[in-house]
PDB file of N, CA and C in Angstrom:
ATOM      1  N   ARG A   1      93.757 101.911 112.750  1.00  0.00           N
ATOM      2  CA  ARG A   1      94.452 102.040 111.601  1.00  0.00           C
ATOM      3  C   ARG A   1      95.363 103.284 111.729  1.00  0.00           C
ATOM      4  N   ALA A   2      95.082 104.370 112.070  1.00  0.00           N
ATOM      5  CA  ALA A   2      95.740 105.388 112.089  1.00  0.00           C
ATOM      6  C   ALA A   2      96.909 105.484 113.100  1.00  0.00           C
ATOM      7  N   THR A   3      96.993 104.776 114.098  1.00  0.00           N
ATOM      8  CA  THR A   3      97.750 104.559 115.234  1.00  0.00           C
ATOM      9  C   THR A   3      99.054 103.921 114.532  1.00  0.00           C
ATOM     10  N   VAL A   4      98.791 102.767 113.909  1.00  0.00           N
ATOM     11  CA  VAL A   4      99.823 102.172 113.338  1.00  0.00           C
ATOM     12  C   VAL A   4     100.685 102.828 112.404  1.00  0.00           C
ATOM     13  N   VAL A   5      99.791 103.685 111.489  1.00  0.00           N
ATOM     14  CA  VAL A   5     100.665 104.143 110.466  1.00  0.00           C
ATOM     15  C   VAL A   5     101.310 105.496 111.270  1.00  0.00           C
ATOM     16  N   LEU A   6     100.778 105.998 112.266  1.00  0.00           N
ATOM     17  CA  LEU A   6     101.395 107.194 112.996  1.00  0.00           C
ATOM     18  C   LEU A   6     102.883 106.603 113.531  1.00  0.00           C
ATOM     19  N   VAL A   7     102.735 105.399 114.521  1.00  0.00           N
ATOM     20  CA  VAL A   7     103.916 104.879 114.983  1.00  0.00           C
ATOM     21  C   VAL A   7     105.013 104.449 113.931  1.00  0.00           C
ATOM     22  N   ALA A   8     104.804 104.002 113.007  1.00  0.00           N
ATOM     23  CA  ALA A   8     105.649 103.631 111.953  1.00  0.00           C
ATOM     24  C   ALA A   8     106.222 104.687 111.285  1.00  0.00           C
ATOM     25  N   PHE A   9     105.575 105.765 111.007  1.00  0.00           N
ATOM     26  CA  PHE A   9     106.063 106.952 110.251  1.00  0.00           C
ATOM     27  C   PHE A   9     107.132 107.741 111.570  1.00  0.00           C
ATOM     28  N   ALA A  10     106.550 107.601 112.641  1.00  0.00           N
ATOM     29  CA  ALA A  10     107.258 108.308 113.915  1.00  0.00           C
ATOM     30  C   ALA A  10     108.780 107.584 114.184  1.00  0.00           C
ATOM     31  N   ALA A  11     108.632 106.281 113.993  1.00  0.00           N
ATOM     32  CA  ALA A  11     109.894 105.477 114.315  1.00  0.00           C
ATOM     33  C   ALA A  11     110.984 105.823 113.306  1.00  0.00           C
ATOM     34  N   GLY A  12     110.679 106.273 112.075  1.00  0.00           N
ATOM     35  CA  GLY A  12     111.538 106.877 111.143  1.00  0.00           C
ATOM     36  C   GLY A  12     112.076 108.072 111.104  1.00  0.00           C
ATOM     37  N   TRP A  13     111.124 108.877 111.289  1.00  0.00           N
ATOM     38  CA  TRP A  13     111.032 110.185 111.352  1.00  0.00           C
ATOM     39  C   TRP A  13     111.832 110.910 112.503  1.00  0.00           C
ATOM     40  N   LEU A  14     111.279 110.484 113.554  1.00  0.00           N
ATOM     41  CA  LEU A  14     111.768 111.048 114.864  1.00  0.00           C
ATOM     42  C   LEU A  14     113.312 110.949 115.104  1.00  0.00           C
ATOM     43  N   SER A  15     114.066 109.787 114.391  1.00  0.00           N
ATOM     44  CA  SER A  15     115.401 109.373 114.610  1.00  0.00           C
ATOM     45  C   SER A  15     116.127 110.761 114.183  1.00  0.00           C
ATOM     46  N   TRP A  16     115.363 111.425 113.048  1.00  0.00           N
ATOM     47  CA  TRP A  16     116.478 112.836 112.642  1.00  0.00           C
ATOM     48  C   TRP A  16     116.585 113.753 113.485  1.00  0.00           C
ATOM     49  N   PHE A  17     115.703 114.078 114.815  1.00  0.00           N
ATOM     50  CA  PHE A  17     115.930 114.945 115.679  1.00  0.00           C
ATOM     51  C   PHE A  17     117.084 114.785 116.808  1.00  0.00           C
ATOM     52  N   LEU A  18     117.514 113.552 116.589  1.00  0.00           N
ATOM     53  CA  LEU A  18     118.659 113.186 117.345  1.00  0.00           C
ATOM     54  C   LEU A  18     119.935 114.015 117.221  1.00  0.00           C
ATOM     55  N   GLU A  19     120.023 114.407 115.968  1.00  0.00           N
ATOM     56  CA  GLU A  19     121.207 115.221 115.351  1.00  0.00           C
ATOM     57  C   GLU A  19     120.760 116.386 114.334  1.00  0.00           C
ATOM     58  N   PRO A  20     120.066 117.384 114.934  1.00  0.00           N
ATOM     59  CA  PRO A  20     119.345 118.298 114.256  1.00  0.00           C
ATOM     60  C   PRO A  20     120.392 119.256 113.347  1.00  0.00           C
ATOM     61  N   GLY A  21     121.764 119.335 113.674  1.00  0.00           N
ATOM     62  CA  GLY A  21     122.898 119.982 112.673  1.00  0.00           C
ATOM     63  C   GLY A  21     123.300 119.279 111.366  1.00  0.00           C
ATOM     64  N   ARG A  22     122.834 117.888 111.447  1.00  0.00           N
ATOM     65  CA  ARG A  22     123.315 117.014 110.334  1.00  0.00           C
ATOM     66  C   ARG A  22     122.602 117.312 109.102  1.00  0.00           C
ATOM     67  N   THR A  23     123.349 117.143 107.988  1.00  0.00           N
ATOM     68  CA  THR A  23     122.957 117.558 106.626  1.00  0.00           C
ATOM     69  C   THR A  23     121.794 116.506 106.300  1.00  0.00           C
ATOM     70  N   MET A  24     120.666 116.960 105.737  1.00  0.00           N
ATOM     71  CA  MET A  24     119.625 116.021 105.345  1.00  0.00           C
ATOM     72  C   MET A  24     119.277 115.915 103.788  1.00  0.00           C
ATOM     73  N   PHE A  25     119.290 114.657 103.290  1.00  0.00           N
ATOM     74  CA  PHE A  25     118.887 114.726 101.813  1.00  0.00           C
ATOM     75  C   PHE A  25     117.599 114.060 101.889  1.00  0.00           C
ATOM     76  N   ILE A  26     116.806 114.308 100.750  1.00  0.00           N
ATOM     77  CA  ILE A  26     115.237 114.040 100.814  1.00  0.00           C
ATOM     78  C   ILE A  26     115.243 112.396 100.743  1.00  0.00           C
ATOM     79  N   PHE A  27     116.262 111.954  99.731  1.00  0.00           N
ATOM     80  CA  PHE A  27     116.197 110.354  99.405  1.00  0.00           C
ATOM     81  C   PHE A  27     116.130 109.570 100.740  1.00  0.00           C
ATOM     82  N   TYR A  28     116.814 110.035 102.033  1.00  0.00           N
ATOM     83  CA  TYR A  28     116.889 109.266 103.231  1.00  0.00           C
ATOM     84  C   TYR A  28     115.398 109.151 103.586  1.00  0.00           C
ATOM     85  N   MET A  29     114.506 110.001 103.117  1.00  0.00           N
ATOM     86  CA  MET A  29     112.950 109.697 103.721  1.00  0.00           C
ATOM     87  C   MET A  29     112.126 108.971 102.864  1.00  0.00           C
ATOM     88  N   ALA A  30     112.818 108.161 101.724  1.00  0.00           N
ATOM     89  CA  ALA A  30     112.102 107.188 100.967  1.00  0.00           C
ATOM     90  C   ALA A  30     111.441 106.182 101.753  1.00  0.00           C
ATOM     91  N   PRO A  31     111.966 105.451 102.645  1.00  0.00           N
ATOM     92  CA  PRO A  31     111.350 104.449 103.187  1.00  0.00           C
ATOM     93  C   PRO A  31     109.946 104.873 104.210  1.00  0.00           C
ATOM     94  N   LEU A  32     109.752 106.207 104.263  1.00  0.00           N
ATOM     95  CA  LEU A  32     108.555 106.916 105.053  1.00  0.00           C
ATOM     96  C   LEU A  32     107.538 107.061 104.093  1.00  0.00           C
ATOM     97  N   VAL A  33     107.584 107.153 102.948  1.00  0.00           N
ATOM     98  CA  VAL A  33     106.865 107.629 101.943  1.00  0.00           C
ATOM     99  C   VAL A  33     105.428 106.833 101.962  1.00  0.00           C
ATOM    100  N   PRO A  34     105.541 105.409 102.144  1.00  0.00           N
ATOM    101  CA  PRO A  34     104.367 104.773 102.150  1.00  0.00           C
ATOM    102  C   PRO A  34     103.529 105.026 103.340  1.00  0.00           C
ATOM    103  N   PHE A  35     104.193 105.261 104.404  1.00  0.00           N
ATOM    104  CA  PHE A  35     103.343 105.713 105.828  1.00  0.00           C
ATOM    105  C   PHE A  35     102.774 107.017 105.689  1.00  0.00           C
ATOM    106  N   LEU A  36     103.583 108.151 105.149  1.00  0.00           N
ATOM    107  CA  LEU A  36     103.251 109.242 104.838  1.00  0.00           C
ATOM    108  C   LEU A  36     101.882 109.538 104.005  1.00  0.00           C
ATOM    109  N   ALA A  37     101.895 108.595 102.905  1.00  0.00           N
ATOM    110  CA  ALA A  37     100.777 108.589 101.949  1.00  0.00           C
ATOM    111  C   ALA A  37      99.543 107.912 102.700  1.00  0.00           C
ATOM    112  N   LEU A  38      99.720 106.936 103.464  1.00  0.00           N
ATOM    113  CA  LEU A  38      98.584 106.326 104.052  1.00  0.00           C
ATOM    114  C   LEU A  38      98.207 107.452 105.081  1.00  0.00           C
ATOM    115  N   GLY A  39      98.987 107.780 106.007  1.00  0.00           N
ATOM    116  CA  GLY A  39      98.560 109.001 106.886  1.00  0.00           C
ATOM    117  C   GLY A  39      97.809 110.145 106.396  1.00  0.00           C
ATOM    118  N   VAL A  40      98.388 110.784 105.270  1.00  0.00           N
ATOM    119  CA  VAL A  40      97.635 111.818 104.720  1.00  0.00           C
ATOM    120  C   VAL A  40      96.295 111.327 104.002  1.00  0.00           C
ATOM    121  N   THR A  41      96.085 110.392 103.321  1.00  0.00           N
ATOM    122  CA  THR A  41      95.102 109.619 103.083  1.00  0.00           C
ATOM    123  C   THR A  41      93.928 109.671 104.101  1.00  0.00           C
ATOM    124  N   LEU A  42      94.333 109.040 105.277  1.00  0.00           N
ATOM    125  CA  LEU A  42      93.493 108.684 106.412  1.00  0.00           C
ATOM    126  C   LEU A  42      93.057 110.186 106.786  1.00  0.00           C
ATOM    127  N   ALA A  43      93.890 111.114 106.977  1.00  0.00           N
ATOM    128  CA  ALA A  43      93.472 112.367 107.457  1.00  0.00           C
ATOM    129  C   ALA A  43      92.562 112.820 106.640  1.00  0.00           C
ATOM    130  N   LEU A  44      92.690 113.057 105.325  1.00  0.00           N
ATOM    131  CA  LEU A  44      91.933 113.723 104.532  1.00  0.00           C
ATOM    132  C   LEU A  44      90.579 112.924 104.294  1.00  0.00           C
ATOM    133  N   GLY A  45      90.648 111.741 104.615  1.00  0.00           N
ATOM    134  CA  GLY A  45      89.138 110.994 104.639  1.00  0.00           C
ATOM    135  C   GLY A  45      88.590 111.436 105.794  1.00  0.00           C
ATOM    136  N   ASP A  46      89.125 111.674 107.139  1.00  0.00           N
ATOM    137  CA  ASP A  46      88.472 112.021 108.136  1.00  0.00           C
ATOM    138  C   ASP A  46      88.036 113.630 108.051  1.00  0.00           C
ATOM    139  N   MET A  47      88.818 114.379 107.099  1.00  0.00           N
ATOM    140  CA  MET A  47      88.134 115.814 107.073  1.00  0.00           C
ATOM    141  C   MET A  47      87.138 115.590 106.154  1.00  0.00           C
ATOM    142  N   LEU A  48      87.039 114.875 104.982  1.00  0.00           N
ATOM    143  CA  LEU A  48      85.733 114.886 104.403  1.00  0.00           C
ATOM    144  C   LEU A  48      84.673 114.467 105.078  1.00  0.00           C
ATOM    145  N   GLY A  49      84.659 113.576 106.009  1.00  0.00           N
ATOM    146  CA  GLY A  49      83.513 113.243 106.697  1.00  0.00           C
ATOM    147  C   GLY A  49      82.879 112.075 106.058  1.00  0.00           C
ATOM    148  N   ARG A  50      82.084 111.532 106.841  1.00  0.00           N
ATOM    149  CA  ARG A  50      81.353 110.138 106.565  1.00  0.00           C
ATOM    150  C   ARG A  50      80.343 110.521 105.359  1.00  0.00           C
ATOM    151  N   ALA A  51      80.083 109.257 104.720  1.00  0.00           N
ATOM    152  CA  ALA A  51      79.263 109.610 103.389  1.00  0.00           C
ATOM    153  C   ALA A  51      77.774 109.932 104.163  1.00  0.00           C
ATOM    154  N   SER A  52      77.254 109.651 105.094  1.00  0.00           N
ATOM    155  CA  SER A  52      76.186 109.707 106.018  1.00  0.00           C
ATOM    156  C   SER A  52      75.983 111.215 106.503  1.00  0.00           C
ATOM    157  N   GLY A  53      77.156 111.787 106.529  1.00  0.00           N
ATOM    158  CA  GLY A  53      77.012 113.164 106.956  1.00  0.00           C
ATOM    159  C   GLY A  53      76.120 114.054 106.695  1.00  0.00           C
ATOM    160  N   THR A  54      76.074 115.167 107.203  1.00  0.00           N
ATOM    161  CA  THR A  54      75.357 116.318 106.769  1.00  0.00           C
ATOM    162  C   THR A  54      75.910 117.150 105.558  1.00  0.00           C
ATOM    163  N   GLU A  55      75.114 117.673 104.576  1.00  0.00           N
ATOM    164  CA  GLU A  55      75.590 118.261 103.550  1.00  0.00           C
ATOM    165  C   GLU A  55      76.347 119.321 103.662  1.00  0.00           C
ATOM    166  N   THR A  56      76.394 119.938 104.705  1.00  0.00           N
ATOM    167  CA  THR A  56      77.037 121.213 105.179  1.00  0.00           C
ATOM    168  C   THR A  56      78.329 120.612 105.822  1.00  0.00           C
ATOM    169  N   ARG A  57      78.521 119.779 106.497  1.00  0.00           N
ATOM    170  CA  ARG A  57      79.784 118.999 107.048  1.00  0.00           C
ATOM    171  C   ARG A  57      80.625 118.586 105.832  1.00  0.00           C
ATOM    172  N   ARG A  58      79.921 117.770 104.865  1.00  0.00           N
ATOM    173  CA  ARG A  58      80.741 117.340 103.775  1.00  0.00           C
ATOM    174  C   ARG A  58      81.174 118.518 102.821  1.00  0.00           C
ATOM    175  N   LEU A  59      80.508 119.520 102.462  1.00  0.00           N
ATOM    176  CA  LEU A  59      80.807 120.554 101.983  1.00  0.00           C
ATOM    177  C   LEU A  59      82.248 121.395 102.482  1.00  0.00           C
ATOM    178  N   VAL A  60      82.230 121.517 103.789  1.00  0.00           N
ATOM    179  CA  VAL A  60      83.168 121.909 104.281  1.00  0.00           C
ATOM    180  C   VAL A  60      84.175 121.303 104.317  1.00  0.00           C
ATOM    181  N   GLY A  61      84.107 119.989 104.641  1.00  0.00           N
ATOM    182  CA  GLY A  61      85.176 118.713 104.450  1.00  0.00           C
ATOM    183  C   GLY A  61      85.876 118.743 103.106  1.00  0.00           C
ATOM    184  N   LEU A  62      84.921 119.061 101.890  1.00  0.00           N
ATOM    185  CA  LEU A  62      85.469 118.941 100.688  1.00  0.00           C
ATOM    186  C   LEU A  62      86.332 120.208 100.415  1.00  0.00           C
ATOM    187  N   LEU A  63      85.838 121.244 101.055  1.00  0.00           N
ATOM    188  CA  LEU A  63      86.600 122.586 100.898  1.00  0.00           C
ATOM    189  C   LEU A  63      87.951 122.396 101.261  1.00  0.00           C
ATOM    190  N   ALA A  64      88.059 121.841 102.696  1.00  0.00           N
ATOM    191  CA  ALA A  64      89.343 121.841 103.338  1.00  0.00           C
ATOM    192  C   ALA A  64      90.220 120.916 102.589  1.00  0.00           C
ATOM    193  N   VAL A  65      89.779 119.501 102.253  1.00  0.00           N
ATOM    194  CA  VAL A  65      90.433 118.654 101.159  1.00  0.00           C
ATOM    195  C   VAL A  65      91.039 119.292 100.067  1.00  0.00           C
ATOM    196  N   CYS A  66      90.073 120.098  99.134  1.00  0.00           N
ATOM    197  CA  CYS A  66      90.601 120.575  98.109  1.00  0.00           C
ATOM    198  C   CYS A  66      91.668 121.856  98.190  1.00  0.00           C
ATOM    199  N   GLY A  67      91.442 122.521  99.283  1.00  0.00           N
ATOM    200  CA  GLY A  67      92.505 123.428  99.816  1.00  0.00           C
ATOM    201  C   GLY A  67      93.808 122.821 100.060  1.00  0.00           C
ATOM    202  N   TYR A  68      93.954 121.735 100.877  1.00  0.00           N
ATOM    203  CA  TYR A  68      95.093 121.064 101.188  1.00  0.00           C
ATOM    204  C   TYR A  68      95.471 120.560  99.856  1.00  0.00           C
ATOM    205  N   VAL A  69      95.209 120.153  98.847  1.00  0.00           N
ATOM    206  CA  VAL A  69      95.744 119.476  97.649  1.00  0.00           C
ATOM    207  C   VAL A  69      95.884 120.716  96.955  1.00  0.00           C
ATOM    208  N   ALA A  70      95.306 121.676  96.724  1.00  0.00           N
ATOM    209  CA  ALA A  70      95.789 122.987  96.124  1.00  0.00           C
ATOM    210  C   ALA A  70      97.124 123.478  96.801  1.00  0.00           C
ATOM    211  N   ILE A  71      97.220 123.542  97.894  1.00  0.00           N
ATOM    212  CA  ILE A  71      98.539 123.917  98.647  1.00  0.00           C
ATOM    213  C   ILE A  71      99.652 123.048  98.111  1.00  0.00           C
ATOM    214  N   VAL A  72      99.451 121.790  98.336  1.00  0.00           N
ATOM    215  CA  VAL A  72     100.330 120.723  97.984  1.00  0.00           C
ATOM    216  C   VAL A  72     100.689 120.916  96.436  1.00  0.00           C
ATOM    217  N   ALA A  73      99.971 121.078  95.461  1.00  0.00           N
ATOM    218  CA  ALA A  73     100.154 121.254  94.314  1.00  0.00           C
ATOM    219  C   ALA A  73     101.055 122.459  93.846  1.00  0.00           C
ATOM    220  N   VAL A  74     100.719 123.746  94.630  1.00  0.00           N
ATOM    221  CA  VAL A  74     101.523 125.074  94.240  1.00  0.00           C
ATOM    222  C   VAL A  74     102.759 124.676  94.842  1.00  0.00           C
ATOM    223  N   ASN A  75     103.115 123.989  96.180  1.00  0.00           N
ATOM    224  CA  ASN A  75     104.400 123.848  96.599  1.00  0.00           C
ATOM    225  C   ASN A  75     105.279 122.918  95.797  1.00  0.00           C
ATOM    226  N   PHE A  76     104.673 121.903  95.468  1.00  0.00           N
ATOM    227  CA  PHE A  76     105.343 121.018  94.370  1.00  0.00           C
ATOM    228  C   PHE A  76     105.953 121.762  93.083  1.00  0.00           C
ATOM    229  N   GLY A  77     104.918 122.572  92.620  1.00  0.00           N
ATOM    230  CA  GLY A  77     105.420 123.531  91.516  1.00  0.00           C
ATOM    231  C   GLY A  77     106.535 124.300  91.901  1.00  0.00           C
ATOM    232  N   TRP A  78     106.489 125.017  92.823  1.00  0.00           N
ATOM    233  CA  TRP A  78     107.431 125.750  93.546  1.00  0.00           C
ATOM    234  C   TRP A  78     108.849 125.306  93.736  1.00  0.00           C
ATOM    235  N   LEU A  79     108.733 123.954  94.178  1.00  0.00           N
ATOM    236  CA  LEU A  79     110.038 123.162  94.460  1.00  0.00           C
ATOM    237  C   LEU A  79     110.497 122.342  93.286  1.00  0.00           C
ATOM    238  N   TRP A  80     109.857 122.139  92.108  1.00  0.00           N
ATOM    239  CA  TRP A  80     109.927 121.358  90.961  1.00  0.00           C
ATOM    240  C   TRP A  80     111.407 121.549  90.604  1.00  0.00           C
ATOM    241  N   PRO A  81     112.111 122.892  90.446  1.00  0.00           N
ATOM    242  CA  PRO A  81     113.409 122.854  89.997  1.00  0.00           C
ATOM    243  C   PRO A  81     114.524 122.413  90.800  1.00  0.00           C
ATOM    244  N   LEU A  82     113.983 122.285  91.846  1.00  0.00           N
ATOM    245  CA  LEU A  82     115.129 121.678  92.782  1.00  0.00           C
ATOM    246  C   LEU A  82     114.928 120.195  92.705  1.00  0.00           C
ATOM    247  N   LEU A  83     113.719 119.653  92.595  1.00  0.00           N
ATOM    248  CA  LEU A  83     113.539 118.197  92.793  1.00  0.00           C
ATOM    249  C   LEU A  83     113.822 117.761  91.529  1.00  0.00           C
ATOM    250  N   SER A  84     113.844 118.353  90.426  1.00  0.00           N
ATOM    251  CA  SER A  84     114.233 117.725  89.027  1.00  0.00           C
ATOM    252  C   SER A  84     115.645 118.164  88.612  1.00  0.00           C
ATOM    253  N   GLY A  85     116.386 118.896  89.736  1.00  0.00           N
ATOM    254  CA  GLY A  85     117.886 119.114  89.281  1.00  0.00           C
ATOM    255  C   GLY A  85     117.960 120.297  88.157  1.00  0.00           C
ATOM    256  N   GLN A  86     117.120 121.105  87.887  1.00  0.00           N
ATOM    257  CA  GLN A  86     117.036 122.214  87.125  1.00  0.00           C
ATOM    258  C   GLN A  86     118.309 123.295  87.417  1.00  0.00           C
ATOM    259  N   LEU A  87     118.722 123.915  86.323  1.00  0.00           N
ATOM    260  CA  LEU A  87     119.659 125.094  86.688  1.00  0.00           C
ATOM    261  C   LEU A  87     118.814 126.403  87.043  1.00  0.00           C
ATOM    262  N   ILE A  88     119.099 126.855  88.099  1.00  0.00           N
ATOM    263  CA  ILE A  88     118.323 128.037  88.516  1.00  0.00           C
ATOM    264  C   ILE A  88     119.343 129.088  89.153  1.00  0.00           C
ATOM    265  N   THR A  89     119.066 130.335  89.272  1.00  0.00           N
ATOM    266  CA  THR A  89     119.986 131.285  89.630  1.00  0.00           C
ATOM    267  C   THR A  89     120.119 130.901  91.336  1.00  0.00           C
ATOM    268  N   SER A  90     121.233 131.830  91.742  1.00  0.00           N
ATOM    269  CA  SER A  90     121.535 131.799  93.026  1.00  0.00           C
ATOM    270  C   SER A  90     120.263 132.324  93.971  1.00  0.00           C
ATOM    271  N   GLU A  91     119.848 133.261  93.530  1.00  0.00           N
ATOM    272  CA  GLU A  91     118.662 133.820  94.420  1.00  0.00           C
ATOM    273  C   GLU A  91     117.315 132.939  94.193  1.00  0.00           C
ATOM    274  N   ALA A  92     117.003 132.309  93.303  1.00  0.00           N
ATOM    275  CA  ALA A  92     116.202 131.311  93.079  1.00  0.00           C
ATOM    276  C   ALA A  92     116.267 130.102  94.066  1.00  0.00           C
ATOM    277  N   TRP A  93     117.475 129.826  94.237  1.00  0.00           N
ATOM    278  CA  TRP A  93     118.034 128.766  95.319  1.00  0.00           C
ATOM    279  C   TRP A  93     117.845 129.193  96.528  1.00  0.00           C
ATOM    280  N   HIS A  94     118.104 130.143  96.902  1.00  0.00           N
ATOM    281  CA  HIS A  94     118.019 130.617  98.248  1.00  0.00           C
ATOM    282  C   HIS A  94     116.603 130.764  98.706  1.00  0.00           C
ATOM    283  N   ALA A  95     115.595 131.297  97.710  1.00  0.00           N
ATOM    284  CA  ALA A  95     114.265 131.477  97.990  1.00  0.00           C
ATOM    285  C   ALA A  95     113.854 129.955  98.432  1.00  0.00           C
ATOM    286  N   ARG A  96     114.277 129.085  97.815  1.00  0.00           N
ATOM    287  CA  ARG A  96     113.477 127.739  98.040  1.00  0.00           C
ATOM    288  C   ARG A  96     114.071 127.002  99.068  1.00  0.00           C
ATOM    289  N   ILE A  97     115.367 127.527  99.773  1.00  0.00           N
ATOM    290  CA  ILE A  97     116.003 126.721 100.984  1.00  0.00           C
ATOM    291  C   ILE A  97     115.389 127.349 102.117  1.00  0.00           C
ATOM    292  N   TRP A  98     114.479 126.556 102.800  1.00  0.00           N
ATOM    293  CA  TRP A  98     113.584 127.167 103.922  1.00  0.00           C
ATOM    294  C   TRP A  98     114.366 126.908 105.260  1.00  0.00           C
ATOM    295  N   PHE A  99     115.038 125.824 105.130  1.00  0.00           N
ATOM    296  CA  PHE A  99     115.566 125.608 106.594  1.00  0.00           C
ATOM    297  C   PHE A  99     117.259 125.531 106.569  1.00  0.00           C
ATOM    298  N   PRO A 100     118.079 126.098 107.618  1.00  0.00           N
ATOM    299  CA  PRO A 100     119.318 125.856 107.483  1.00  0.00           C
ATOM    300  C   PRO A 100     120.097 124.678 107.208  1.00  0.00           C
ATOM    301  N   SER A 101     119.191 123.344 107.492  1.00  0.00           N
ATOM    302  CA  SER A 101     119.943 122.119 107.416  1.00  0.00           C
ATOM    303  C   SER A 101     119.652 121.734 105.881  1.00  0.00           C
ATOM    304  N   TRP A 102     118.911 122.295 105.170  1.00  0.00           N
ATOM    305  CA  TRP A 102     118.764 122.141 103.560  1.00  0.00           C
ATOM    306  C   TRP A 102     120.306 122.631 102.991  1.00  0.00           C
ATOM    307  N   ILE A 103     120.822 122.032 102.022  1.00  0.00           N
ATOM    308  CA  ILE A 103     121.990 122.392 101.439  1.00  0.00           C
ATOM    309  C   ILE A 103     121.689 123.322 100.141  1.00  0.00           C
TER     310      ILE A 103
END
């Protein structure tokens, strides 16, 4: 299952590396969202472990999954002004632009 998702995602994403200086807009990645969601779900399921796994293994997996979800939520909150098109200061704008290819 994971191989199919990975190949489908890679087919769309790796083409971006052919021209690294090109301006990239987030909406160009929209066709990859289903594959990204499936891939993350499969990875989180593997991190969590089997239901028949040891209690320690499940606890460590649960902590890892919760940590990942917390980081994603904080990052979403941090980028929310950009994603929602809010007015922000120039300093706040530059703090959120992590890569030179981002406008």
